[in-house]
């Protein structure tokens, strides 16, 4: 089960009263793909008690993002990769929630083109 909260690009997530503090899954270059929410600080795998298998899945997802999903030199997400990237991302967020059931886990989808109106998805 997931619920979504409207957010806009550039919005300060600290002021979004609909979002509880937790962990946000979001792809970014050379990252773990796991971020503090609302502070936005990347979380290293060593800081979480997650399985090596899940760590590997996150690494593979970020490598897929780095290597196949963005066009150079703009580094914008390629429209043809948006669906598969976000499908894998929400699956990883669900697995992370299973391994960390006491944490609030969100997925922040990556969109090609405008980022306006994308939704922060809480994984239940």
PDB file of N, CA and C in Angstrom:
ATOM      1  N   UNK A   1       0.843  -1.171   0.000  1.00  0.00           N
ATOM      2  CA  UNK A   1       0.000   0.000   0.000  1.00  0.00           C
ATOM      3  C   UNK A   1       0.892   1.239   0.000  1.00  0.00           C
ATOM      4  N   UNK A   2       0.512   2.233  -0.788  1.00  0.00           N
ATOM      5  CA  UNK A   2       1.256   3.482  -0.822  1.00  0.00           C
ATOM      6  C   UNK A   2       0.280   4.641  -0.747  1.00  0.00           C
ATOM      7  N   UNK A   3       0.738   5.755  -0.209  1.00  0.00           N
ATOM      8  CA  UNK A   3      -0.033   6.990  -0.246  1.00  0.00           C
ATOM      9  C   UNK A   3       0.873   8.066  -0.795  1.00  0.00           C
ATOM     10  N   UNK A   4       0.294   9.053  -1.441  1.00  0.00           N
ATOM     11  CA  UNK A   4       1.111  10.082  -2.086  1.00  0.00           C
ATOM     12  C   UNK A   4       0.791  11.458  -1.532  1.00  0.00           C
ATOM     13  N   UNK A   5       1.816  12.289  -1.476  1.00  0.00           N
ATOM     14  CA  UNK A   5       1.696  13.678  -1.044  1.00  0.00           C
ATOM     15  C   UNK A   5       2.215  14.547  -2.171  1.00  0.00           C
ATOM     16  N   UNK A   6       1.440  15.536  -2.594  1.00  0.00           N
ATOM     17  CA  UNK A   6       1.905  16.442  -3.648  1.00  0.00           C
ATOM     18  C   UNK A   6       3.059  17.280  -3.152  1.00  0.00           C
ATOM     19  N   UNK A   7       4.087  17.387  -3.979  1.00  0.00           N
ATOM     20  CA  UNK A   7       5.206  18.278  -3.693  1.00  0.00           C
ATOM     21  C   UNK A   7       5.653  18.880  -5.002  1.00  0.00           C
ATOM     22  N   UNK A   8       6.274  20.011  -4.953  1.00  0.00           N
ATOM     23  CA  UNK A   8       6.788  20.671  -6.145  1.00  0.00           C
ATOM     24  C   UNK A   8       8.291  20.768  -6.077  1.00  0.00           C
ATOM     25  N   UNK A   9       8.928  20.780  -7.246  1.00  0.00           N
ATOM     26  CA  UNK A   9      10.383  20.924  -7.311  1.00  0.00           C
ATOM     27  C   UNK A   9      10.777  22.185  -6.556  1.00  0.00           C
ATOM     28  N   UNK A  10      11.800  22.067  -5.735  1.00  0.00           N
ATOM     29  CA  UNK A  10      12.283  23.211  -4.990  1.00  0.00           C
ATOM     30  C   UNK A  10      11.565  23.424  -3.673  1.00  0.00           C
ATOM     31  N   UNK A  11      10.488  22.693  -3.422  1.00  0.00           N
ATOM     32  CA  UNK A  11       9.765  22.856  -2.169  1.00  0.00           C
ATOM     33  C   UNK A  11      10.618  22.345  -1.018  1.00  0.00           C
ATOM     34  N   UNK A  12      10.659  23.078   0.062  1.00  0.00           N
ATOM     35  CA  UNK A  12      11.401  22.660   1.245  1.00  0.00           C
ATOM     36  C   UNK A  12      10.586  21.593   1.958  1.00  0.00           C
ATOM     37  N   UNK A  13      11.079  20.346   1.926  1.00  0.00           N
ATOM     38  CA  UNK A  13      10.324  19.233   2.501  1.00  0.00           C
ATOM     39  C   UNK A  13      10.151  19.376   4.009  1.00  0.00           C
ATOM     40  N   UNK A  14      10.980  20.183   4.667  1.00  0.00           N
ATOM     41  CA  UNK A  14      10.830  20.376   6.105  1.00  0.00           C
ATOM     42  C   UNK A  14       9.522  21.058   6.434  1.00  0.00           C
ATOM     43  N   UNK A  15       8.959  21.813   5.506  1.00  0.00           N
ATOM     44  CA  UNK A  15       7.730  22.531   5.769  1.00  0.00           C
ATOM     45  C   UNK A  15       6.495  21.741   5.369  1.00  0.00           C
ATOM     46  N   UNK A  16       6.657  20.568   4.778  1.00  0.00           N
ATOM     47  CA  UNK A  16       5.518  19.767   4.361  1.00  0.00           C
ATOM     48  C   UNK A  16       4.959  19.036   5.578  1.00  0.00           C
ATOM     49  N   UNK A  17       3.860  19.532   6.102  1.00  0.00           N
ATOM     50  CA  UNK A  17       3.290  18.998   7.325  1.00  0.00           C
ATOM     51  C   UNK A  17       2.660  17.615   7.145  1.00  0.00           C
ATOM     52  N   UNK A  18       2.486  17.183   5.903  1.00  0.00           N
ATOM     53  CA  UNK A  18       1.885  15.875   5.641  1.00  0.00           C
ATOM     54  C   UNK A  18       2.900  14.741   5.705  1.00  0.00           C
ATOM     55  N   UNK A  19       4.179  15.059   5.822  1.00  0.00           N
ATOM     56  CA  UNK A  19       5.223  14.040   5.761  1.00  0.00           C
ATOM     57  C   UNK A  19       5.895  13.868   7.113  1.00  0.00           C
ATOM     58  N   UNK A  20       5.933  12.629   7.577  1.00  0.00           N
ATOM     59  CA  UNK A  20       6.652  12.302   8.805  1.00  0.00           C
ATOM     60  C   UNK A  20       8.129  12.122   8.474  1.00  0.00           C
ATOM     61  N   UNK A  21       9.011  12.353   9.442  1.00  0.00           N
ATOM     62  CA  UNK A  21      10.427  12.066   9.218  1.00  0.00           C
ATOM     63  C   UNK A  21      10.623  10.587   8.889  1.00  0.00           C
ATOM     64  N   UNK A  22      11.581  10.292   8.073  1.00  0.00           N
ATOM     65  CA  UNK A  22      11.836   8.903   7.706  1.00  0.00           C
ATOM     66  C   UNK A  22      12.984   8.779   6.729  1.00  0.00           C
ATOM     67  N   UNK A  23      12.847   7.815   5.831  1.00  0.00           N
ATOM     68  CA  UNK A  23      13.860   7.502   4.827  1.00  0.00           C
ATOM     69  C   UNK A  23      13.223   7.659   3.456  1.00  0.00           C
ATOM     70  N   UNK A  24      13.956   8.306   2.538  1.00  0.00           N
ATOM     71  CA  UNK A  24      13.456   8.512   1.177  1.00  0.00           C
ATOM     72  C   UNK A  24      14.345   7.767   0.199  1.00  0.00           C
ATOM     73  N   UNK A  25      13.749   6.985  -0.682  1.00  0.00           N
ATOM     74  CA  UNK A  25      14.458   6.295  -1.748  1.00  0.00           C
ATOM     75  C   UNK A  25      14.348   7.167  -3.000  1.00  0.00           C
ATOM     76  N   UNK A  26      15.514   7.511  -3.557  1.00  0.00           N
ATOM     77  CA  UNK A  26      15.568   8.392  -4.707  1.00  0.00           C
ATOM     78  C   UNK A  26      16.893   8.167  -5.436  1.00  0.00           C
ATOM     79  N   UNK A  27      16.880   7.990  -6.765  1.00  0.00           N
ATOM     80  CA  UNK A  27      18.139   7.778  -7.476  1.00  0.00           C
ATOM     81  C   UNK A  27      18.901   9.080  -7.667  1.00  0.00           C
ATOM     82  N   UNK A  28      20.195   9.013  -7.457  1.00  0.00           N
ATOM     83  CA  UNK A  28      21.074  10.129  -7.768  1.00  0.00           C
ATOM     84  C   UNK A  28      22.451   9.561  -8.057  1.00  0.00           C
ATOM     85  N   UNK A  29      23.224  10.269  -8.842  1.00  0.00           N
ATOM     86  CA  UNK A  29      24.527   9.796  -9.291  1.00  0.00           C
ATOM     87  C   UNK A  29      25.428   9.428  -8.120  1.00  0.00           C
ATOM     88  N   UNK A  30      26.043   8.260  -8.219  1.00  0.00           N
ATOM     89  CA  UNK A  30      27.064   7.805  -7.264  1.00  0.00           C
ATOM     90  C   UNK A  30      26.582   7.853  -5.821  1.00  0.00           C
ATOM     91  N   UNK A  31      25.308   7.597  -5.591  1.00  0.00           N
ATOM     92  CA  UNK A  31      24.755   7.629  -4.244  1.00  0.00           C
ATOM     93  C   UNK A  31      24.350   6.227  -3.809  1.00  0.00           C
ATOM     94  N   UNK A  32      23.898   6.123  -2.576  1.00  0.00           N
ATOM     95  CA  UNK A  32      23.325   4.862  -2.103  1.00  0.00           C
ATOM     96  C   UNK A  32      21.891   4.728  -2.596  1.00  0.00           C
ATOM     97  N   UNK A  33      21.254   5.850  -2.931  1.00  0.00           N
ATOM     98  CA  UNK A  33      19.838   5.847  -3.305  1.00  0.00           C
ATOM     99  C   UNK A  33      18.922   5.952  -2.101  1.00  0.00           C
ATOM    100  N   UNK A  34      19.509   6.121  -0.907  1.00  0.00           N
ATOM    101  CA  UNK A  34      18.742   6.195   0.328  1.00  0.00           C
ATOM    102  C   UNK A  34      19.108   7.506   1.020  1.00  0.00           C
ATOM    103  N   UNK A  35      18.082   8.259   1.411  1.00  0.00           N
ATOM    104  CA  UNK A  35      18.271   9.610   1.927  1.00  0.00           C
ATOM    105  C   UNK A  35      17.456   9.804   3.203  1.00  0.00           C
ATOM    106  N   UNK A  36      17.958  10.658   4.072  1.00  0.00           N
ATOM    107  CA  UNK A  36      17.170  11.064   5.223  1.00  0.00           C
ATOM    108  C   UNK A  36      16.039  11.965   4.762  1.00  0.00           C
ATOM    109  N   UNK A  37      14.921  11.883   5.446  1.00  0.00           N
ATOM    110  CA  UNK A  37      13.799  12.759   5.113  1.00  0.00           C
ATOM    111  C   UNK A  37      13.286  13.379   6.397  1.00  0.00           C
ATOM    112  N   UNK A  38      13.250  14.668   6.552  1.00  0.00           N
ATOM    113  CA  UNK A  38      13.306  15.667   5.492  1.00  0.00           C
ATOM    114  C   UNK A  38      14.676  16.290   5.255  1.00  0.00           C
ATOM    115  N   UNK A  39      15.708  15.877   5.964  1.00  0.00           N
ATOM    116  CA  UNK A  39      16.990  16.584   5.852  1.00  0.00           C
ATOM    117  C   UNK A  39      17.709  16.391   4.525  1.00  0.00           C
ATOM    118  N   UNK A  40      17.416  15.317   3.788  1.00  0.00           N
ATOM    119  CA  UNK A  40      18.004  15.109   2.471  1.00  0.00           C
ATOM    120  C   UNK A  40      19.441  14.634   2.467  1.00  0.00           C
ATOM    121  N   UNK A  41      19.953  14.217   3.610  1.00  0.00           N
ATOM    122  CA  UNK A  41      21.328  13.738   3.698  1.00  0.00           C
ATOM    123  C   UNK A  41      21.375  12.272   3.256  1.00  0.00           C
ATOM    124  N   UNK A  42      22.336  11.946   2.369  1.00  0.00           N
ATOM    125  CA  UNK A  42      22.466  10.559   1.926  1.00  0.00           C
ATOM    126  C   UNK A  42      22.824   9.662   3.106  1.00  0.00           C
ATOM    127  N   UNK A  43      22.218   8.484   3.126  1.00  0.00           N
ATOM    128  CA  UNK A  43      22.490   7.500   4.167  1.00  0.00           C
ATOM    129  C   UNK A  43      23.313   6.375   3.558  1.00  0.00           C
ATOM    130  N   UNK A  44      24.459   6.099   4.153  1.00  0.00           N
ATOM    131  CA  UNK A  44      25.297   4.984   3.712  1.00  0.00           C
ATOM    132  C   UNK A  44      24.684   3.672   4.186  1.00  0.00           C
ATOM    133  N   UNK A  45      24.929   2.607   3.442  1.00  0.00           N
ATOM    134  CA  UNK A  45      24.398   1.292   3.806  1.00  0.00           C
ATOM    135  C   UNK A  45      24.802   0.889   5.218  1.00  0.00           C
ATOM    136  N   UNK A  46      26.019   1.264   5.616  1.00  0.00           N
ATOM    137  CA  UNK A  46      26.534   0.878   6.927  1.00  0.00           C
ATOM    138  C   UNK A  46      25.716   1.470   8.065  1.00  0.00           C
ATOM    139  N   UNK A  47      24.986   2.552   7.793  1.00  0.00           N
ATOM    140  CA  UNK A  47      24.168   3.191   8.821  1.00  0.00           C
ATOM    141  C   UNK A  47      22.848   2.466   9.053  1.00  0.00           C
ATOM    142  N   UNK A  48      22.491   1.586   8.149  1.00  0.00           N
ATOM    143  CA  UNK A  48      21.228   0.853   8.250  1.00  0.00           C
ATOM    144  C   UNK A  48      21.504  -0.632   8.429  1.00  0.00           C
ATOM    145  N   UNK A  49      20.607  -1.308   9.066  1.00  0.00           N
ATOM    146  CA  UNK A  49      20.731  -2.763   9.221  1.00  0.00           C
ATOM    147  C   UNK A  49      19.928  -3.443   8.117  1.00  0.00           C
ATOM    148  N   UNK A  50      20.477  -3.377   6.896  1.00  0.00           N
ATOM    149  CA  UNK A  50      19.798  -4.043   5.783  1.00  0.00           C
ATOM    150  C   UNK A  50      20.708  -5.132   5.232  1.00  0.00           C
ATOM    151  N   UNK A  51      20.092  -6.088   4.588  1.00  0.00           N
ATOM    152  CA  UNK A  51      20.829  -7.245   4.078  1.00  0.00           C
ATOM    153  C   UNK A  51      21.801  -6.851   2.973  1.00  0.00           C
ATOM    154  N   UNK A  52      22.820  -7.657   2.813  1.00  0.00           N
ATOM    155  CA  UNK A  52      23.787  -7.458   1.727  1.00  0.00           C
ATOM    156  C   UNK A  52      23.091  -7.574   0.372  1.00  0.00           C
ATOM    157  N   UNK A  53      22.084  -8.454   0.306  1.00  0.00           N
ATOM    158  CA  UNK A  53      21.344  -8.630  -0.947  1.00  0.00           C
ATOM    159  C   UNK A  53      20.628  -7.341  -1.344  1.00  0.00           C
ATOM    160  N   UNK A  54      19.988  -6.687  -0.352  1.00  0.00           N
ATOM    161  CA  UNK A  54      19.291  -5.439  -0.654  1.00  0.00           C
ATOM    162  C   UNK A  54      20.284  -4.331  -0.994  1.00  0.00           C
ATOM    163  N   UNK A  55      21.400  -4.293  -0.306  1.00  0.00           N
ATOM    164  CA  UNK A  55      22.442  -3.323  -0.649  1.00  0.00           C
ATOM    165  C   UNK A  55      22.859  -3.487  -2.105  1.00  0.00           C
ATOM    166  N   UNK A  56      23.061  -4.715  -2.533  1.00  0.00           N
ATOM    167  CA  UNK A  56      23.467  -5.007  -3.917  1.00  0.00           C
ATOM    168  C   UNK A  56      22.388  -4.550  -4.906  1.00  0.00           C
ATOM    169  N   UNK A  57      21.125  -4.772  -4.547  1.00  0.00           N
ATOM    170  CA  UNK A  57      20.032  -4.334  -5.425  1.00  0.00           C
ATOM    171  C   UNK A  57      20.033  -2.812  -5.577  1.00  0.00           C
ATOM    172  N   UNK A  58      20.281  -2.094  -4.481  1.00  0.00           N
ATOM    173  CA  UNK A  58      20.379  -0.637  -4.560  1.00  0.00           C
ATOM    174  C   UNK A  58      21.563  -0.222  -5.427  1.00  0.00           C
ATOM    175  N   UNK A  59      22.699  -0.866  -5.240  1.00  0.00           N
ATOM    176  CA  UNK A  59      23.879  -0.545  -6.062  1.00  0.00           C
ATOM    177  C   UNK A  59      23.593  -0.776  -7.542  1.00  0.00           C
ATOM    178  N   UNK A  60      22.947  -1.878  -7.865  1.00  0.00           N
ATOM    179  CA  UNK A  60      22.609  -2.178  -9.261  1.00  0.00           C
ATOM    180  C   UNK A  60      21.643  -1.134  -9.826  1.00  0.00           C
ATOM    181  N   UNK A  61      20.679  -0.716  -9.013  1.00  0.00           N
ATOM    182  CA  UNK A  61      19.694   0.286  -9.441  1.00  0.00           C
ATOM    183  C   UNK A  61      20.377   1.626  -9.728  1.00  0.00           C
ATOM    184  N   UNK A  62      21.267   2.047  -8.839  1.00  0.00           N
ATOM    185  CA  UNK A  62      21.979   3.309  -9.044  1.00  0.00           C
ATOM    186  C   UNK A  62      22.899   3.208 -10.259  1.00  0.00           C
ATOM    187  N   UNK A  63      23.555   2.073 -10.458  1.00  0.00           N
ATOM    188  CA  UNK A  63      24.389   1.899 -11.655  1.00  0.00           C
ATOM    189  C   UNK A  63      23.535   1.959 -12.918  1.00  0.00           C
ATOM    190  N   UNK A  64      22.349   1.359 -12.888  1.00  0.00           N
ATOM    191  CA  UNK A  64      21.416   1.435 -14.011  1.00  0.00           C
ATOM    192  C   UNK A  64      21.054   2.898 -14.285  1.00  0.00           C
ATOM    193  N   UNK A  65      20.764   3.637 -13.232  1.00  0.00           N
ATOM    194  CA  UNK A  65      20.449   5.062 -13.368  1.00  0.00           C
ATOM    195  C   UNK A  65      21.636   5.819 -13.973  1.00  0.00           C
ATOM    196  N   UNK A  66      22.812   5.617 -13.399  1.00  0.00           N
ATOM    197  CA  UNK A  66      24.017   6.311 -13.872  1.00  0.00           C
ATOM    198  C   UNK A  66      24.358   5.975 -15.320  1.00  0.00           C
ATOM    199  N   UNK A  67      24.283   4.690 -15.660  1.00  0.00           N
ATOM    200  CA  UNK A  67      24.781   4.216 -16.951  1.00  0.00           C
ATOM    201  C   UNK A  67      23.770   4.270 -18.089  1.00  0.00           C
ATOM    202  N   UNK A  68      22.479   4.093 -17.776  1.00  0.00           N
ATOM    203  CA  UNK A  68      21.504   3.914 -18.853  1.00  0.00           C
ATOM    204  C   UNK A  68      20.345   4.895 -18.876  1.00  0.00           C
ATOM    205  N   UNK A  69      20.097   5.593 -17.781  1.00  0.00           N
ATOM    206  CA  UNK A  69      18.858   6.366 -17.680  1.00  0.00           C
ATOM    207  C   UNK A  69      18.985   7.844 -17.970  1.00  0.00           C
ATOM    208  N   UNK A  70      20.189   8.353 -18.020  1.00  0.00           N
ATOM    209  CA  UNK A  70      20.343   9.788 -18.216  1.00  0.00           C
ATOM    210  C   UNK A  70      21.109  10.087 -19.492  1.00  0.00           C
ATOM    211  N   UNK A  71      20.683  11.142 -20.150  1.00  0.00           N
ATOM    212  CA  UNK A  71      21.334  11.568 -21.383  1.00  0.00           C
ATOM    213  C   UNK A  71      22.457  12.535 -21.097  1.00  0.00           C
ATOM    214  N   UNK A  72      23.542  12.399 -21.797  1.00  0.00           N
ATOM    215  CA  UNK A  72      24.678  13.306 -21.627  1.00  0.00           C
ATOM    216  C   UNK A  72      24.642  14.331 -22.750  1.00  0.00           C
ATOM    217  N   UNK A  73      24.984  15.555 -22.539  1.00  0.00           N
ATOM    218  CA  UNK A  73      25.609  16.108 -21.340  1.00  0.00           C
ATOM    219  C   UNK A  73      24.616  16.665 -20.325  1.00  0.00           C
ATOM    220  N   UNK A  74      23.321  16.607 -20.583  1.00  0.00           N
ATOM    221  CA  UNK A  74      22.357  17.258 -19.694  1.00  0.00           C
ATOM    222  C   UNK A  74      22.092  16.486 -18.401  1.00  0.00           C
ATOM    223  N   UNK A  75      22.324  15.188 -18.421  1.00  0.00           N
ATOM    224  CA  UNK A  75      22.040  14.302 -17.291  1.00  0.00           C
ATOM    225  C   UNK A  75      20.554  14.269 -16.932  1.00  0.00           C
ATOM    226  N   UNK A  76      19.702  14.635 -17.852  1.00  0.00           N
ATOM    227  CA  UNK A  76      18.261  14.542 -17.633  1.00  0.00           C
ATOM    228  C   UNK A  76      17.810  13.109 -17.870  1.00  0.00           C
ATOM    229  N   UNK A  77      16.816  12.696 -17.127  1.00  0.00           N
ATOM    230  CA  UNK A  77      16.283  11.348 -17.270  1.00  0.00           C
ATOM    231  C   UNK A  77      15.694  11.162 -18.661  1.00  0.00           C
ATOM    232  N   UNK A  78      16.057  10.065 -19.294  1.00  0.00           N
ATOM    233  CA  UNK A  78      15.505   9.728 -20.601  1.00  0.00           C
ATOM    234  C   UNK A  78      14.080   9.219 -20.416  1.00  0.00           C
ATOM    235  N   UNK A  79      13.136   9.771 -21.173  1.00  0.00           N
ATOM    236  CA  UNK A  79      11.722   9.411 -21.063  1.00  0.00           C
ATOM    237  C   UNK A  79      11.522   7.900 -21.195  1.00  0.00           C
ATOM    238  N   UNK A  80      12.263   7.262 -22.094  1.00  0.00           N
ATOM    239  CA  UNK A  80      12.081   5.834 -22.334  1.00  0.00           C
ATOM    240  C   UNK A  80      12.529   4.975 -21.153  1.00  0.00           C
ATOM    241  N   UNK A  81      13.274   5.549 -20.199  1.00  0.00           N
ATOM    242  CA  UNK A  81      13.758   4.797 -19.035  1.00  0.00           C
ATOM    243  C   UNK A  81      12.984   5.119 -17.754  1.00  0.00           C
ATOM    244  N   UNK A  82      12.124   6.112 -17.810  1.00  0.00           N
ATOM    245  CA  UNK A  82      11.419   6.590 -16.614  1.00  0.00           C
ATOM    246  C   UNK A  82      10.595   5.490 -15.936  1.00  0.00           C
ATOM    247  N   UNK A  83       9.826   4.760 -16.713  1.00  0.00           N
ATOM    248  CA  UNK A  83       8.922   3.760 -16.143  1.00  0.00           C
ATOM    249  C   UNK A  83       9.688   2.635 -15.442  1.00  0.00           C
ATOM    250  N   UNK A  84      10.688   2.081 -16.097  1.00  0.00           N
ATOM    251  CA  UNK A  84      11.432   0.970 -15.508  1.00  0.00           C
ATOM    252  C   UNK A  84      12.247   1.428 -14.299  1.00  0.00           C
ATOM    253  N   UNK A  85      12.825   2.621 -14.359  1.00  0.00           N
ATOM    254  CA  UNK A  85      13.584   3.149 -13.226  1.00  0.00           C
ATOM    255  C   UNK A  85      12.688   3.289 -11.997  1.00  0.00           C
ATOM    256  N   UNK A  86      11.514   3.883 -12.180  1.00  0.00           N
ATOM    257  CA  UNK A  86      10.615   4.099 -11.046  1.00  0.00           C
ATOM    258  C   UNK A  86       9.969   2.803 -10.562  1.00  0.00           C
ATOM    259  N   UNK A  87       9.725   1.873 -11.469  1.00  0.00           N
ATOM    260  CA  UNK A  87       9.191   0.573 -11.044  1.00  0.00           C
ATOM    261  C   UNK A  87      10.200  -0.133 -10.134  1.00  0.00           C
ATOM    262  N   UNK A  88      11.454  -0.138 -10.543  1.00  0.00           N
ATOM    263  CA  UNK A  88      12.501  -0.749  -9.706  1.00  0.00           C
ATOM    264  C   UNK A  88      12.651   0.004  -8.384  1.00  0.00           C
ATOM    265  N   UNK A  89      12.552   1.323  -8.449  1.00  0.00           N
ATOM    266  CA  UNK A  89      12.705   2.139  -7.252  1.00  0.00           C
ATOM    267  C   UNK A  89      11.634   1.875  -6.214  1.00  0.00           C
ATOM    268  N   UNK A  90      10.376   1.790  -6.644  1.00  0.00           N
ATOM    269  CA  UNK A  90       9.300   1.533  -5.690  1.00  0.00           C
ATOM    270  C   UNK A  90       9.420   0.116  -5.120  1.00  0.00           C
ATOM    271  N   UNK A  91       9.884  -0.829  -5.935  1.00  0.00           N
ATOM    272  CA  UNK A  91      10.120  -2.189  -5.430  1.00  0.00           C
ATOM    273  C   UNK A  91      11.205  -2.175  -4.349  1.00  0.00           C
ATOM    274  N   UNK A  92      12.264  -1.405  -4.564  1.00  0.00           N
ATOM    275  CA  UNK A  92      13.327  -1.302  -3.565  1.00  0.00           C
ATOM    276  C   UNK A  92      12.827  -0.622  -2.295  1.00  0.00           C
ATOM    277  N   UNK A  93      12.004   0.394  -2.444  1.00  0.00           N
ATOM    278  CA  UNK A  93      11.435   1.059  -1.266  1.00  0.00           C
ATOM    279  C   UNK A  93      10.585   0.079  -0.457  1.00  0.00           C
ATOM    280  N   UNK A  94       9.825  -0.750  -1.136  1.00  0.00           N
ATOM    281  CA  UNK A  94       9.007  -1.763  -0.433  1.00  0.00           C
ATOM    282  C   UNK A  94       9.890  -2.782   0.289  1.00  0.00           C
ATOM    283  N   UNK A  95      10.965  -3.205  -0.352  1.00  0.00           N
ATOM    284  CA  UNK A  95      11.888  -4.149   0.292  1.00  0.00           C
ATOM    285  C   UNK A  95      12.566  -3.504   1.498  1.00  0.00           C
ATOM    286  N   UNK A  96      12.924  -2.229   1.355  1.00  0.00           N
ATOM    287  CA  UNK A  96      13.540  -1.511   2.463  1.00  0.00           C
ATOM    288  C   UNK A  96      12.565  -1.428   3.637  1.00  0.00           C
ATOM    289  N   UNK A  97      11.314  -1.149   3.355  1.00  0.00           N
ATOM    290  CA  UNK A  97      10.282  -1.091   4.405  1.00  0.00           C
ATOM    291  C   UNK A  97      10.138  -2.445   5.090  1.00  0.00           C
ATOM    292  N   UNK A  98      10.202  -3.534   4.324  1.00  0.00           N
ATOM    293  CA  UNK A  98      10.111  -4.875   4.911  1.00  0.00           C
ATOM    294  C   UNK A  98      11.271  -5.132   5.864  1.00  0.00           C
ATOM    295  N   UNK A  99      12.458  -4.664   5.490  1.00  0.00           N
ATOM    296  CA  UNK A  99      13.633  -4.895   6.339  1.00  0.00           C
ATOM    297  C   UNK A  99      13.715  -3.910   7.506  1.00  0.00           C
ATOM    298  N   UNK A 100      13.050  -2.767   7.365  1.00  0.00           N
ATOM    299  CA  UNK A 100      13.043  -1.750   8.426  1.00  0.00           C
ATOM    300  C   UNK A 100      11.591  -1.374   8.754  1.00  0.00           C
ATOM    301  N   UNK A 101      10.819  -2.309   9.312  1.00  0.00           N
ATOM    302  CA  UNK A 101       9.383  -2.090   9.487  1.00  0.00           C
ATOM    303  C   UNK A 101       9.025  -0.931  10.419  1.00  0.00           C
ATOM    304  N   UNK A 102       9.920  -0.526  11.278  1.00  0.00           N
ATOM    305  CA  UNK A 102       9.623   0.562  12.212  1.00  0.00           C
ATOM    306  C   UNK A 102       9.979   1.936  11.661  1.00  0.00           C
ATOM    307  N   UNK A 103      10.479   1.989  10.438  1.00  0.00           N
ATOM    308  CA  UNK A 103      10.844   3.252   9.797  1.00  0.00           C
ATOM    309  C   UNK A 103       9.756   3.670   8.811  1.00  0.00           C
ATOM    310  N   UNK A 104       9.577   4.976   8.665  1.00  0.00           N
ATOM    311  CA  UNK A 104       8.723   5.502   7.608  1.00  0.00           C
ATOM    312  C   UNK A 104       9.579   5.572   6.349  1.00  0.00           C
ATOM    313  N   UNK A 105       9.108   4.955   5.260  1.00  0.00           N
ATOM    314  CA  UNK A 105       9.871   4.889   4.009  1.00  0.00           C
ATOM    315  C   UNK A 105       9.048   5.534   2.893  1.00  0.00           C
ATOM    316  N   UNK A 106       9.714   6.409   2.141  1.00  0.00           N
ATOM    317  CA  UNK A 106       9.102   7.092   1.003  1.00  0.00           C
ATOM    318  C   UNK A 106       9.851   6.734  -0.275  1.00  0.00           C
ATOM    319  N   UNK A 107       9.141   6.853  -1.398  1.00  0.00           N
ATOM    320  CA  UNK A 107       9.801   6.812  -2.703  1.00  0.00           C
ATOM    321  C   UNK A 107       9.522   8.148  -3.386  1.00  0.00           C
ATOM    322  N   UNK A 108      10.581   8.771  -3.900  1.00  0.00           N
ATOM    323  CA  UNK A 108      10.502  10.053  -4.602  1.00  0.00           C
ATOM    324  C   UNK A 108      10.798   9.773  -6.062  1.00  0.00           C
ATOM    325  N   UNK A 109       9.772   9.693  -6.920  1.00  0.00           N
ATOM    326  CA  UNK A 109       9.995   9.297  -8.308  1.00  0.00           C
ATOM    327  C   UNK A 109      10.813  10.304  -9.098  1.00  0.00           C
ATOM    328  N   UNK A 110      11.602   9.785 -10.005  1.00  0.00           N
ATOM    329  CA  UNK A 110      12.369  10.611 -10.935  1.00  0.00           C
ATOM    330  C   UNK A 110      11.526  10.753 -12.193  1.00  0.00           C
ATOM    331  N   UNK A 111      11.401  11.982 -12.689  1.00  0.00           N
ATOM    332  CA  UNK A 111      10.584  12.243 -13.861  1.00  0.00           C
ATOM    333  C   UNK A 111      11.415  12.888 -14.954  1.00  0.00           C
ATOM    334  N   UNK A 112      11.115  12.527 -16.195  1.00  0.00           N
ATOM    335  CA  UNK A 112      11.732  13.224 -17.317  1.00  0.00           C
ATOM    336  C   UNK A 112      10.942  14.515 -17.521  1.00  0.00           C
ATOM    337  N   UNK A 113      11.575  15.505 -18.050  1.00  0.00           N
ATOM    338  CA  UNK A 113      10.888  16.778 -18.271  1.00  0.00           C
ATOM    339  C   UNK A 113      10.666  17.509 -16.956  1.00  0.00           C
ATOM    340  N   UNK A 114       9.522  18.137 -16.823  1.00  0.00           N
ATOM    341  CA  UNK A 114       9.199  18.934 -15.641  1.00  0.00           C
ATOM    342  C   UNK A 114       9.035  18.052 -14.409  1.00  0.00           C
ATOM    343  N   UNK A 115       9.529  18.533 -13.280  1.00  0.00           N
ATOM    344  CA  UNK A 115       9.385  17.817 -12.017  1.00  0.00           C
ATOM    345  C   UNK A 115       8.172  18.331 -11.227  1.00  0.00           C
ATOM    346  N   UNK A 116       7.479  19.310 -11.755  1.00  0.00           N
ATOM    347  CA  UNK A 116       6.347  19.903 -11.056  1.00  0.00           C
ATOM    348  C   UNK A 116       5.238  18.875 -10.863  1.00  0.00           C
ATOM    349  N   UNK A 117       4.705  18.825  -9.654  1.00  0.00           N
ATOM    350  CA  UNK A 117       3.568  17.971  -9.372  1.00  0.00           C
ATOM    351  C   UNK A 117       3.907  16.512  -9.084  1.00  0.00           C
ATOM    352  N   UNK A 118       5.197  16.165  -9.026  1.00  0.00           N
ATOM    353  CA  UNK A 118       5.487  14.760  -8.710  1.00  0.00           C
ATOM    354  C   UNK A 118       5.107  14.508  -7.257  1.00  0.00           C
ATOM    355  N   UNK A 119       4.894  13.268  -6.918  1.00  0.00           N
ATOM    356  CA  UNK A 119       4.386  12.919  -5.601  1.00  0.00           C
ATOM    357  C   UNK A 119       5.410  12.110  -4.798  1.00  0.00           C
ATOM    358  N   UNK A 120       5.520  12.469  -3.534  1.00  0.00           N
ATOM    359  CA  UNK A 120       6.305  11.704  -2.587  1.00  0.00           C
ATOM    360  C   UNK A 120       5.401  10.562  -2.136  1.00  0.00           C
ATOM    361  N   UNK A 121       5.838   9.331  -2.319  1.00  0.00           N
ATOM    362  CA  UNK A 121       5.010   8.148  -2.060  1.00  0.00           C
ATOM    363  C   UNK A 121       5.466   7.476  -0.772  1.00  0.00           C
ATOM    364  N   UNK A 122       4.554   7.387   0.196  1.00  0.00           N
ATOM    365  CA  UNK A 122       4.873   6.657   1.419  1.00  0.00           C
ATOM    366  C   UNK A 122       4.549   5.182   1.230  1.00  0.00           C
ATOM    367  N   UNK A 123       5.529   4.340   1.500  1.00  0.00           N
ATOM    368  CA  UNK A 123       5.362   2.892   1.368  1.00  0.00           C
ATOM    369  C   UNK A 123       4.857   2.368   2.699  1.00  0.00           C
ATOM    370  N   UNK A 124       3.781   1.624   2.667  1.00  0.00           N
ATOM    371  CA  UNK A 124       3.183   1.077   3.899  1.00  0.00           C
ATOM    372  C   UNK A 124       3.430  -0.411   3.985  1.00  0.00           C
TER     373      UNK A 124
END
